[in-house]
Amino acid sequence: MHPYIRISRPLTSLMIGLAVFTSSLIGVGRNIDAYMLPVFLGVMIASLFGIAGNAINDYFDQKTDKINHPDRPIPSGELTPGQALNFSILFFIFSLLLSTFLGFVIGFEALLICIIALAFQIAYEKKFKKEKIIGNVIIGTQTSLAFIFGGVLVGKIVITGIFAVAVFLAIVGREIVKDIEDVKGDVGKTTLPIKIGAKGAGIVAVIFIALSVLISPLPYYPLHIFGLEYLLVVLIADMLFIGSMPVIFRDAMIARRMLKFAMLIAITAFITGAMF
């Protein structure tokens, strides 16, 4: 695979775009065809922003990636740090230009969210990457912003805000699991596993994941936003979330992959609920 494709992490970037689409779908359901232009632009903006964010993450992580992820494009020598940084800046510019155009279509709230997300990204990379306890919260906030962004596209912020909370909790839990996985290479960083040990950090991750699972049935009952179809699919995601909990303490890498797959199924549940 070409190094520029690998550094962009297309699956992760598309998941951000899918989160925006899902959020818009949650807001208006089958009436989403009335919002096709802003939703299409929103998905493109989020995906481009995700590509830029992944690339700049690798740029700032080049030293630790020599230990934790030596096969990535920068530590493997396939890309220079400068090439990765320029690639990231280019895609941030594309994302902001599209956001500006979208502002003329639906209002500049969408551009404001993108600017806030960019500010969080820069703050994380420049200041809070080593203070990863705060950094994990920033990452969770950025991801939940994707769901709020999707709500802004269709004018349904309150409904999508519920899902943004669940997403925030799941993402923070997953980021803690990633820190457990990378603890050997995170020299000089303030991570939860370094502060309180892998076991203690695992317990905190379980709490965040469990809270996300507890929120997931609310759109079915008592809010009655979605029907039984949503509940049946989201329960599959919940079983994976719950199943990952004991794995966190044995193999953080496998737990991280289980959590990513559970999130994909959860997004499928949201789409199912909005459509039926």
C-alpha atoms as a PDB file:
ATOM      1  CA  MET A   1       0.000   0.000   0.000  1.00  0.00           C
ATOM      2  CA  HIS A   2       1.262   3.487  -0.900  1.00  0.00           C
ATOM      3  CA  PRO A   3       2.717   5.316   2.142  1.00  0.00           C
ATOM      4  CA  TYR A   4       0.443   8.351   1.642  1.00  0.00           C
ATOM      5  CA  ILE A   5      -2.579   6.055   1.771  1.00  0.00           C
ATOM      6  CA  ARG A   6      -1.235   4.302   4.868  1.00  0.00           C
ATOM      7  CA  ILE A   7      -0.510   7.546   6.709  1.00  0.00           C
ATOM      8  CA  SER A   8      -4.030   8.777   5.961  1.00  0.00           C
ATOM      9  CA  ARG A   9      -5.533   5.625   7.550  1.00  0.00           C
ATOM     10  CA  PRO A  10      -8.489   5.574   5.130  1.00  0.00           C
ATOM     11  CA  LEU A  11     -10.698   3.302   7.267  1.00  0.00           C
ATOM     12  CA  THR A  12     -10.371   5.547  10.322  1.00  0.00           C
ATOM     13  CA  SER A  13     -10.916   8.680   8.209  1.00  0.00           C
ATOM     14  CA  LEU A  14     -13.975   7.200   6.513  1.00  0.00           C
ATOM     15  CA  MET A  15     -15.354   6.252   9.935  1.00  0.00           C
ATOM     16  CA  ILE A  16     -15.300   9.950  10.860  1.00  0.00           C
ATOM     17  CA  GLY A  17     -17.209  10.777   7.677  1.00  0.00           C
ATOM     18  CA  LEU A  18     -19.593   7.898   8.376  1.00  0.00           C
ATOM     19  CA  ALA A  19     -20.144   9.247  11.890  1.00  0.00           C
ATOM     20  CA  VAL A  20     -21.212  12.600  10.411  1.00  0.00           C
ATOM     21  CA  PHE A  21     -23.552  10.884   7.934  1.00  0.00           C
ATOM     22  CA  THR A  22     -24.968   8.678  10.684  1.00  0.00           C
ATOM     23  CA  SER A  23     -25.580  11.672  12.916  1.00  0.00           C
ATOM     24  CA  SER A  24     -27.448  13.477  10.142  1.00  0.00           C
ATOM     25  CA  LEU A  25     -29.440  10.316   9.480  1.00  0.00           C
ATOM     26  CA  ILE A  26     -30.300  10.048  13.176  1.00  0.00           C
ATOM     27  CA  GLY A  27     -31.597  13.605  13.042  1.00  0.00           C
ATOM     28  CA  VAL A  28     -33.904  13.366  10.031  1.00  0.00           C
ATOM     29  CA  GLY A  29     -34.175   9.672   9.117  1.00  0.00           C
ATOM     30  CA  ARG A  30     -35.498   8.969   5.642  1.00  0.00           C
ATOM     31  CA  ASN A  31     -35.897  12.683   4.958  1.00  0.00           C
ATOM     32  CA  ILE A  32     -32.129  12.935   4.579  1.00  0.00           C
ATOM     33  CA  ASP A  33     -32.513  13.290   0.798  1.00  0.00           C
ATOM     34  CA  ALA A  34     -33.740  16.844   1.453  1.00  0.00           C
ATOM     35  CA  TYR A  35     -30.302  17.639   2.914  1.00  0.00           C
ATOM     36  CA  MET A  36     -28.090  15.838   0.407  1.00  0.00           C
ATOM     37  CA  LEU A  37     -25.790  18.756  -0.450  1.00  0.00           C
ATOM     38  CA  PRO A  38     -24.879  19.802   3.134  1.00  0.00           C
ATOM     39  CA  VAL A  39     -24.608  16.158   4.244  1.00  0.00           C
ATOM     40  CA  PHE A  40     -22.364  15.245   1.305  1.00  0.00           C
ATOM     41  CA  LEU A  41     -20.150  18.261   1.969  1.00  0.00           C
ATOM     42  CA  GLY A  42     -20.096  17.455   5.682  1.00  0.00           C
ATOM     43  CA  VAL A  43     -18.976  13.878   5.090  1.00  0.00           C
ATOM     44  CA  MET A  44     -16.235  15.087   2.734  1.00  0.00           C
ATOM     45  CA  ILE A  45     -15.074  17.737   5.237  1.00  0.00           C
ATOM     46  CA  ALA A  46     -14.931  15.233   8.097  1.00  0.00           C
ATOM     47  CA  SER A  47     -13.081  12.595   6.036  1.00  0.00           C
ATOM     48  CA  LEU A  48     -10.523  15.123   4.760  1.00  0.00           C
ATOM     49  CA  PHE A  49     -10.055  16.440   8.297  1.00  0.00           C
ATOM     50  CA  GLY A  50      -9.526  12.860   9.495  1.00  0.00           C
ATOM     51  CA  ILE A  51      -6.838  12.260   6.865  1.00  0.00           C
ATOM     52  CA  ALA A  52      -5.060  15.475   7.878  1.00  0.00           C
ATOM     53  CA  GLY A  53      -5.321  14.594  11.564  1.00  0.00           C
ATOM     54  CA  ASN A  54      -3.924  11.100  11.073  1.00  0.00           C
ATOM     55  CA  ALA A  55      -0.968  12.426   9.096  1.00  0.00           C
ATOM     56  CA  ILE A  56      -0.077  15.138  11.609  1.00  0.00           C
ATOM     57  CA  ASN A  57      -0.423  12.584  14.390  1.00  0.00           C
ATOM     58  CA  ASP A  58       2.252  10.448  12.721  1.00  0.00           C
ATOM     59  CA  TYR A  59       4.417  13.543  12.257  1.00  0.00           C
ATOM     60  CA  PHE A  60       4.420  14.309  15.977  1.00  0.00           C
ATOM     61  CA  ASP A  61       4.639  10.621  16.948  1.00  0.00           C
ATOM     62  CA  GLN A  62       7.679   9.814  14.808  1.00  0.00           C
ATOM     63  CA  LYS A  63       9.982   9.142  17.782  1.00  0.00           C
ATOM     64  CA  THR A  64       7.639   6.899  19.763  1.00  0.00           C
ATOM     65  CA  ASP A  65       6.525   5.134  16.565  1.00  0.00           C
ATOM     66  CA  LYS A  66      10.081   3.852  16.155  1.00  0.00           C
ATOM     67  CA  ILE A  67       9.293   1.661  19.163  1.00  0.00           C
ATOM     68  CA  ASN A  68       5.516   1.242  19.090  1.00  0.00           C
ATOM     69  CA  HIS A  69       4.808   1.214  15.329  1.00  0.00           C
ATOM     70  CA  PRO A  70       8.099   0.859  13.372  1.00  0.00           C
ATOM     71  CA  ASP A  71       6.221  -0.205  10.233  1.00  0.00           C
ATOM     72  CA  ARG A  72       4.477   3.162   9.828  1.00  0.00           C
ATOM     73  CA  PRO A  73       5.588   5.352   6.871  1.00  0.00           C
ATOM     74  CA  ILE A  74       7.818   7.816   8.789  1.00  0.00           C
ATOM     75  CA  PRO A  75       9.827   5.447  11.032  1.00  0.00           C
ATOM     76  CA  SER A  76      10.125   2.951   8.177  1.00  0.00           C
ATOM     77  CA  GLY A  77      11.640   5.678   5.964  1.00  0.00           C
ATOM     78  CA  GLU A  78       8.915   5.573   3.301  1.00  0.00           C
ATOM     79  CA  LEU A  79       8.035   9.227   3.999  1.00  0.00           C
ATOM     80  CA  THR A  80      10.086  12.042   5.483  1.00  0.00           C
ATOM     81  CA  PRO A  81       8.590  14.025   8.385  1.00  0.00           C
ATOM     82  CA  GLY A  82       8.380  17.071   6.112  1.00  0.00           C
ATOM     83  CA  GLN A  83       6.384  15.171   3.508  1.00  0.00           C
ATOM     84  CA  ALA A  84       3.936  13.978   6.168  1.00  0.00           C
ATOM     85  CA  LEU A  85       3.523  17.510   7.560  1.00  0.00           C
ATOM     86  CA  ASN A  86       2.908  19.053   4.129  1.00  0.00           C
ATOM     87  CA  PHE A  87       0.404  16.301   3.332  1.00  0.00           C
ATOM     88  CA  SER A  88      -1.433  17.076   6.575  1.00  0.00           C
ATOM     89  CA  ILE A  89      -1.497  20.853   6.013  1.00  0.00           C
ATOM     90  CA  LEU A  90      -2.836  20.359   2.480  1.00  0.00           C
ATOM     91  CA  PHE A  91      -5.781  18.277   3.687  1.00  0.00           C
ATOM     92  CA  PHE A  92      -6.530  20.672   6.571  1.00  0.00           C
ATOM     93  CA  ILE A  93      -6.725  23.465   3.971  1.00  0.00           C
ATOM     94  CA  PHE A  94      -9.063  21.399   1.764  1.00  0.00           C
ATOM     95  CA  SER A  95     -11.277  20.712   4.772  1.00  0.00           C
ATOM     96  CA  LEU A  96     -11.477  24.372   5.849  1.00  0.00           C
ATOM     97  CA  LEU A  97     -12.154  25.588   2.296  1.00  0.00           C
ATOM     98  CA  LEU A  98     -15.068  23.170   1.975  1.00  0.00           C
ATOM     99  CA  SER A  99     -16.279  24.246   5.436  1.00  0.00           C
ATOM    100  CA  THR A 100     -16.291  27.872   4.306  1.00  0.00           C
ATOM    101  CA  PHE A 101     -18.358  26.963   1.240  1.00  0.00           C
ATOM    102  CA  LEU A 102     -20.719  24.951   3.453  1.00  0.00           C
ATOM    103  CA  GLY A 103     -21.088  28.034   5.651  1.00  0.00           C
ATOM    104  CA  PHE A 104     -22.652  29.912   2.748  1.00  0.00           C
ATOM    105  CA  VAL A 105     -25.094  26.998   2.248  1.00  0.00           C
ATOM    106  CA  ILE A 106     -26.377  26.380   5.809  1.00  0.00           C
ATOM    107  CA  GLY A 107     -24.721  28.972   8.048  1.00  0.00           C
ATOM    108  CA  PHE A 108     -21.305  29.274   9.615  1.00  0.00           C
ATOM    109  CA  GLU A 109     -21.917  27.042  12.643  1.00  0.00           C
ATOM    110  CA  ALA A 110     -20.362  24.203  10.638  1.00  0.00           C
ATOM    111  CA  LEU A 111     -17.216  26.255   9.960  1.00  0.00           C
ATOM    112  CA  LEU A 112     -17.050  27.161  13.657  1.00  0.00           C
ATOM    113  CA  ILE A 113     -17.111  23.458  14.619  1.00  0.00           C
ATOM    114  CA  CYS A 114     -14.277  22.754  12.155  1.00  0.00           C
ATOM    115  CA  ILE A 115     -12.212  25.609  13.587  1.00  0.00           C
ATOM    116  CA  ILE A 116     -12.835  24.313  17.128  1.00  0.00           C
ATOM    117  CA  ALA A 117     -11.844  20.792  16.029  1.00  0.00           C
ATOM    118  CA  LEU A 118      -8.661  22.149  14.423  1.00  0.00           C
ATOM    119  CA  ALA A 119      -7.827  24.083  17.608  1.00  0.00           C
ATOM    120  CA  PHE A 120      -8.284  20.899  19.652  1.00  0.00           C
ATOM    121  CA  GLN A 121      -6.098  18.996  17.192  1.00  0.00           C
ATOM    122  CA  ILE A 122      -3.271  21.533  17.400  1.00  0.00           C
ATOM    123  CA  ALA A 123      -3.553  21.760  21.192  1.00  0.00           C
ATOM    124  CA  TYR A 124      -3.390  17.982  21.437  1.00  0.00           C
ATOM    125  CA  GLU A 125      -0.400  17.594  19.152  1.00  0.00           C
ATOM    126  CA  LYS A 126       1.593  20.564  20.513  1.00  0.00           C
ATOM    127  CA  LYS A 127       0.804  20.440  24.237  1.00  0.00           C
ATOM    128  CA  PHE A 128      -1.331  17.519  25.389  1.00  0.00           C
ATOM    129  CA  LYS A 129       0.143  14.596  23.458  1.00  0.00           C
ATOM    130  CA  LYS A 130       2.518  13.956  26.341  1.00  0.00           C
ATOM    131  CA  GLU A 131      -0.199  14.830  28.876  1.00  0.00           C
ATOM    132  CA  LYS A 132      -2.300  12.039  27.447  1.00  0.00           C
ATOM    133  CA  ILE A 133      -4.774  11.918  30.297  1.00  0.00           C
ATOM    134  CA  ILE A 134      -6.073  15.286  29.076  1.00  0.00           C
ATOM    135  CA  GLY A 135      -5.287  14.307  25.507  1.00  0.00           C
ATOM    136  CA  ASN A 136      -7.656  11.347  25.651  1.00  0.00           C
ATOM    137  CA  VAL A 137     -10.477  13.682  26.658  1.00  0.00           C
ATOM    138  CA  ILE A 138      -9.613  15.950  23.710  1.00  0.00           C
ATOM    139  CA  ILE A 139      -9.740  13.004  21.307  1.00  0.00           C
ATOM    140  CA  GLY A 140     -13.113  11.946  22.726  1.00  0.00           C
ATOM    141  CA  THR A 141     -14.397  15.501  22.375  1.00  0.00           C
ATOM    142  CA  GLN A 142     -13.198  15.742  18.775  1.00  0.00           C
ATOM    143  CA  THR A 143     -14.963  12.516  17.861  1.00  0.00           C
ATOM    144  CA  SER A 144     -18.199  13.561  19.548  1.00  0.00           C
ATOM    145  CA  LEU A 145     -17.958  16.841  17.614  1.00  0.00           C
ATOM    146  CA  ALA A 146     -18.440  14.766  14.456  1.00  0.00           C
ATOM    147  CA  PHE A 147     -21.889  13.770  15.719  1.00  0.00           C
ATOM    148  CA  ILE A 148     -22.739  17.332  16.720  1.00  0.00           C
ATOM    149  CA  PHE A 149     -21.514  18.442  13.280  1.00  0.00           C
ATOM    150  CA  GLY A 150     -23.869  15.957  11.626  1.00  0.00           C
ATOM    151  CA  GLY A 151     -26.742  17.376  13.660  1.00  0.00           C
ATOM    152  CA  VAL A 152     -25.862  20.936  12.603  1.00  0.00           C
ATOM    153  CA  LEU A 153     -26.012  19.871   8.940  1.00  0.00           C
ATOM    154  CA  VAL A 154     -29.717  18.993   9.317  1.00  0.00           C
ATOM    155  CA  GLY A 155     -30.675  21.313  12.182  1.00  0.00           C
ATOM    156  CA  LYS A 156     -31.111  18.562  14.812  1.00  0.00           C
ATOM    157  CA  ILE A 157     -28.462  19.201  17.451  1.00  0.00           C
ATOM    158  CA  VAL A 158     -30.364  18.027  20.555  1.00  0.00           C
ATOM    159  CA  ILE A 159     -31.123  14.512  19.253  1.00  0.00           C
ATOM    160  CA  THR A 160     -27.594  13.927  17.987  1.00  0.00           C
ATOM    161  CA  GLY A 161     -26.146  15.286  21.226  1.00  0.00           C
ATOM    162  CA  ILE A 162     -27.314  12.154  23.066  1.00  0.00           C
ATOM    163  CA  PHE A 163     -25.273   9.987  20.755  1.00  0.00           C
ATOM    164  CA  ALA A 164     -22.318  12.359  21.008  1.00  0.00           C
ATOM    165  CA  VAL A 165     -22.161  11.632  24.754  1.00  0.00           C
ATOM    166  CA  ALA A 166     -22.138   7.841  24.192  1.00  0.00           C
ATOM    167  CA  VAL A 167     -19.452   8.219  21.539  1.00  0.00           C
ATOM    168  CA  PHE A 168     -17.341  10.422  23.827  1.00  0.00           C
ATOM    169  CA  LEU A 169     -17.373   7.773  26.574  1.00  0.00           C
ATOM    170  CA  ALA A 170     -16.521   4.894  24.211  1.00  0.00           C
ATOM    171  CA  ILE A 171     -13.689   6.807  22.526  1.00  0.00           C
ATOM    172  CA  VAL A 172     -12.077   7.885  25.808  1.00  0.00           C
ATOM    173  CA  GLY A 173     -12.217   4.256  26.979  1.00  0.00           C
ATOM    174  CA  ARG A 174     -10.615   3.056  23.748  1.00  0.00           C
ATOM    175  CA  GLU A 175      -7.863   5.705  23.951  1.00  0.00           C
ATOM    176  CA  ILE A 176      -6.973   4.499  27.452  1.00  0.00           C
ATOM    177  CA  VAL A 177      -6.735   0.952  26.073  1.00  0.00           C
ATOM    178  CA  LYS A 178      -4.381   2.249  23.354  1.00  0.00           C
ATOM    179  CA  ASP A 179      -2.219   3.828  26.071  1.00  0.00           C
ATOM    180  CA  ILE A 180      -2.041   0.472  27.853  1.00  0.00           C
ATOM    181  CA  GLU A 181      -0.948  -1.121  24.574  1.00  0.00           C
ATOM    182  CA  ASP A 182       1.729   1.546  23.972  1.00  0.00           C
ATOM    183  CA  VAL A 183       2.998   1.876  27.546  1.00  0.00           C
ATOM    184  CA  LYS A 184       6.525   0.651  26.724  1.00  0.00           C
ATOM    185  CA  GLY A 185       7.063   3.301  24.073  1.00  0.00           C
ATOM    186  CA  ASP A 186       5.390   6.202  25.875  1.00  0.00           C
ATOM    187  CA  VAL A 187       8.566   7.299  27.634  1.00  0.00           C
ATOM    188  CA  GLY A 188       8.289  10.850  28.983  1.00  0.00           C
ATOM    189  CA  LYS A 189       4.523  10.989  28.534  1.00  0.00           C
ATOM    190  CA  THR A 190       1.915  11.294  31.257  1.00  0.00           C
ATOM    191  CA  THR A 191      -0.486   8.469  30.520  1.00  0.00           C
ATOM    192  CA  LEU A 192      -2.938   6.764  32.810  1.00  0.00           C
ATOM    193  CA  PRO A 193      -1.076   3.399  32.700  1.00  0.00           C
ATOM    194  CA  ILE A 194       2.165   5.155  33.643  1.00  0.00           C
ATOM    195  CA  LYS A 195       0.448   7.074  36.461  1.00  0.00           C
ATOM    196  CA  ILE A 196      -1.631   4.297  38.040  1.00  0.00           C
ATOM    197  CA  GLY A 197      -0.454   1.130  36.302  1.00  0.00           C
ATOM    198  CA  ALA A 198      -1.961  -0.939  33.502  1.00  0.00           C
ATOM    199  CA  LYS A 199      -4.493  -2.611  35.786  1.00  0.00           C
ATOM    200  CA  GLY A 200      -5.769   0.668  37.230  1.00  0.00           C
ATOM    201  CA  ALA A 201      -5.968   2.217  33.762  1.00  0.00           C
ATOM    202  CA  GLY A 202      -7.848  -0.863  32.555  1.00  0.00           C
ATOM    203  CA  ILE A 203     -10.423  -0.370  35.310  1.00  0.00           C
ATOM    204  CA  VAL A 204     -10.926   3.274  34.276  1.00  0.00           C
ATOM    205  CA  ALA A 205     -11.309   2.199  30.627  1.00  0.00           C
ATOM    206  CA  VAL A 206     -13.919  -0.376  31.647  1.00  0.00           C
ATOM    207  CA  ILE A 207     -15.887   2.319  33.509  1.00  0.00           C
ATOM    208  CA  PHE A 208     -16.002   4.584  30.448  1.00  0.00           C
ATOM    209  CA  ILE A 209     -16.983   1.715  28.151  1.00  0.00           C
ATOM    210  CA  ALA A 210     -19.639   0.500  30.598  1.00  0.00           C
ATOM    211  CA  LEU A 211     -21.182   3.990  30.802  1.00  0.00           C
ATOM    212  CA  SER A 212     -21.360   4.091  27.002  1.00  0.00           C
ATOM    213  CA  VAL A 213     -23.113   0.702  26.995  1.00  0.00           C
ATOM    214  CA  LEU A 214     -25.609   1.918  29.619  1.00  0.00           C
ATOM    215  CA  ILE A 215     -26.506   4.937  27.459  1.00  0.00           C
ATOM    216  CA  SER A 216     -26.960   2.900  24.254  1.00  0.00           C
ATOM    217  CA  PRO A 217     -30.518   1.594  24.957  1.00  0.00           C
ATOM    218  CA  LEU A 218     -31.887   5.060  25.829  1.00  0.00           C
ATOM    219  CA  PRO A 219     -32.949   5.936  22.243  1.00  0.00           C
ATOM    220  CA  TYR A 220     -35.180   2.824  22.372  1.00  0.00           C
ATOM    221  CA  TYR A 221     -36.417   3.326  25.924  1.00  0.00           C
ATOM    222  CA  PRO A 222     -37.365   5.663  27.511  1.00  0.00           C
ATOM    223  CA  LEU A 223     -36.779   8.220  24.697  1.00  0.00           C
ATOM    224  CA  HIS A 224     -38.599   6.191  21.984  1.00  0.00           C
ATOM    225  CA  ILE A 225     -36.493   7.754  19.214  1.00  0.00           C
ATOM    226  CA  PHE A 226     -35.720   4.372  17.607  1.00  0.00           C
ATOM    227  CA  GLY A 227     -37.545   1.072  17.398  1.00  0.00           C
ATOM    228  CA  LEU A 228     -36.763  -2.564  18.160  1.00  0.00           C
ATOM    229  CA  GLU A 229     -34.534  -2.894  15.077  1.00  0.00           C
ATOM    230  CA  TYR A 230     -32.083  -0.443  16.623  1.00  0.00           C
ATOM    231  CA  LEU A 231     -32.087  -2.258  19.947  1.00  0.00           C
ATOM    232  CA  LEU A 232     -31.343  -5.654  18.374  1.00  0.00           C
ATOM    233  CA  VAL A 233     -28.318  -4.339  16.460  1.00  0.00           C
ATOM    234  CA  VAL A 234     -26.952  -2.161  19.254  1.00  0.00           C
ATOM    235  CA  LEU A 235     -27.106  -5.127  21.643  1.00  0.00           C
ATOM    236  CA  ILE A 236     -24.612  -6.913  19.359  1.00  0.00           C
ATOM    237  CA  ALA A 237     -22.279  -3.922  19.687  1.00  0.00           C
ATOM    238  CA  ASP A 238     -22.848  -3.889  23.437  1.00  0.00           C
ATOM    239  CA  MET A 239     -21.920  -7.571  23.706  1.00  0.00           C
ATOM    240  CA  LEU A 240     -18.636  -6.810  21.937  1.00  0.00           C
ATOM    241  CA  PHE A 241     -18.007  -3.823  24.189  1.00  0.00           C
ATOM    242  CA  ILE A 242     -18.660  -5.951  27.258  1.00  0.00           C
ATOM    243  CA  GLY A 243     -16.640  -8.848  25.839  1.00  0.00           C
ATOM    244  CA  SER A 244     -13.633  -6.549  25.369  1.00  0.00           C
ATOM    245  CA  MET A 245     -13.550  -5.601  29.044  1.00  0.00           C
ATOM    246  CA  PRO A 246     -11.740  -8.676  30.437  1.00  0.00           C
ATOM    247  CA  VAL A 247      -9.515  -8.750  27.330  1.00  0.00           C
ATOM    248  CA  ILE A 248      -8.163  -5.291  28.246  1.00  0.00           C
ATOM    249  CA  PHE A 249      -6.284  -6.862  31.158  1.00  0.00           C
ATOM    250  CA  ARG A 250      -4.819  -9.701  29.039  1.00  0.00           C
ATOM    251  CA  ASP A 251      -4.094  -8.230  25.601  1.00  0.00           C
ATOM    252  CA  ALA A 252      -4.733  -4.530  25.040  1.00  0.00           C
ATOM    253  CA  MET A 253      -4.100  -4.775  21.283  1.00  0.00           C
ATOM    254  CA  ILE A 254      -6.871  -7.351  20.779  1.00  0.00           C
ATOM    255  CA  ALA A 255      -9.188  -5.343  23.066  1.00  0.00           C
ATOM    256  CA  ARG A 256      -8.534  -2.200  20.994  1.00  0.00           C
ATOM    257  CA  ARG A 257      -9.484  -4.051  17.800  1.00  0.00           C
ATOM    258  CA  MET A 258     -12.616  -5.440  19.422  1.00  0.00           C
ATOM    259  CA  LEU A 259     -13.621  -1.932  20.484  1.00  0.00           C
ATOM    260  CA  LYS A 260     -13.126  -0.552  16.971  1.00  0.00           C
ATOM    261  CA  PHE A 261     -15.296  -3.332  15.538  1.00  0.00           C
ATOM    262  CA  ALA A 262     -17.924  -2.730  18.233  1.00  0.00           C
ATOM    263  CA  MET A 263     -18.009   0.961  17.271  1.00  0.00           C
ATOM    264  CA  LEU A 264     -18.623   0.048  13.628  1.00  0.00           C
ATOM    265  CA  ILE A 265     -21.555  -2.135  14.654  1.00  0.00           C
ATOM    266  CA  ALA A 266     -22.855   0.653  16.906  1.00  0.00           C
ATOM    267  CA  ILE A 267     -22.800   3.044  13.949  1.00  0.00           C
ATOM    268  CA  THR A 268     -24.706   0.398  11.952  1.00  0.00           C
ATOM    269  CA  ALA A 269     -27.246   0.284  14.784  1.00  0.00           C
ATOM    270  CA  PHE A 270     -27.715   4.049  14.618  1.00  0.00           C
ATOM    271  CA  ILE A 271     -28.281   3.864  10.852  1.00  0.00           C
ATOM    272  CA  THR A 272     -30.710   0.953  11.288  1.00  0.00           C
ATOM    273  CA  GLY A 273     -32.642   2.866  13.936  1.00  0.00           C
ATOM    274  CA  ALA A 274     -32.902   5.965  11.771  1.00  0.00           C
ATOM    275  CA  MET A 275     -34.113   4.044   8.716  1.00  0.00           C
ATOM    276  CA  PHE A 276     -36.745   1.758  10.297  1.00  0.00           C
END
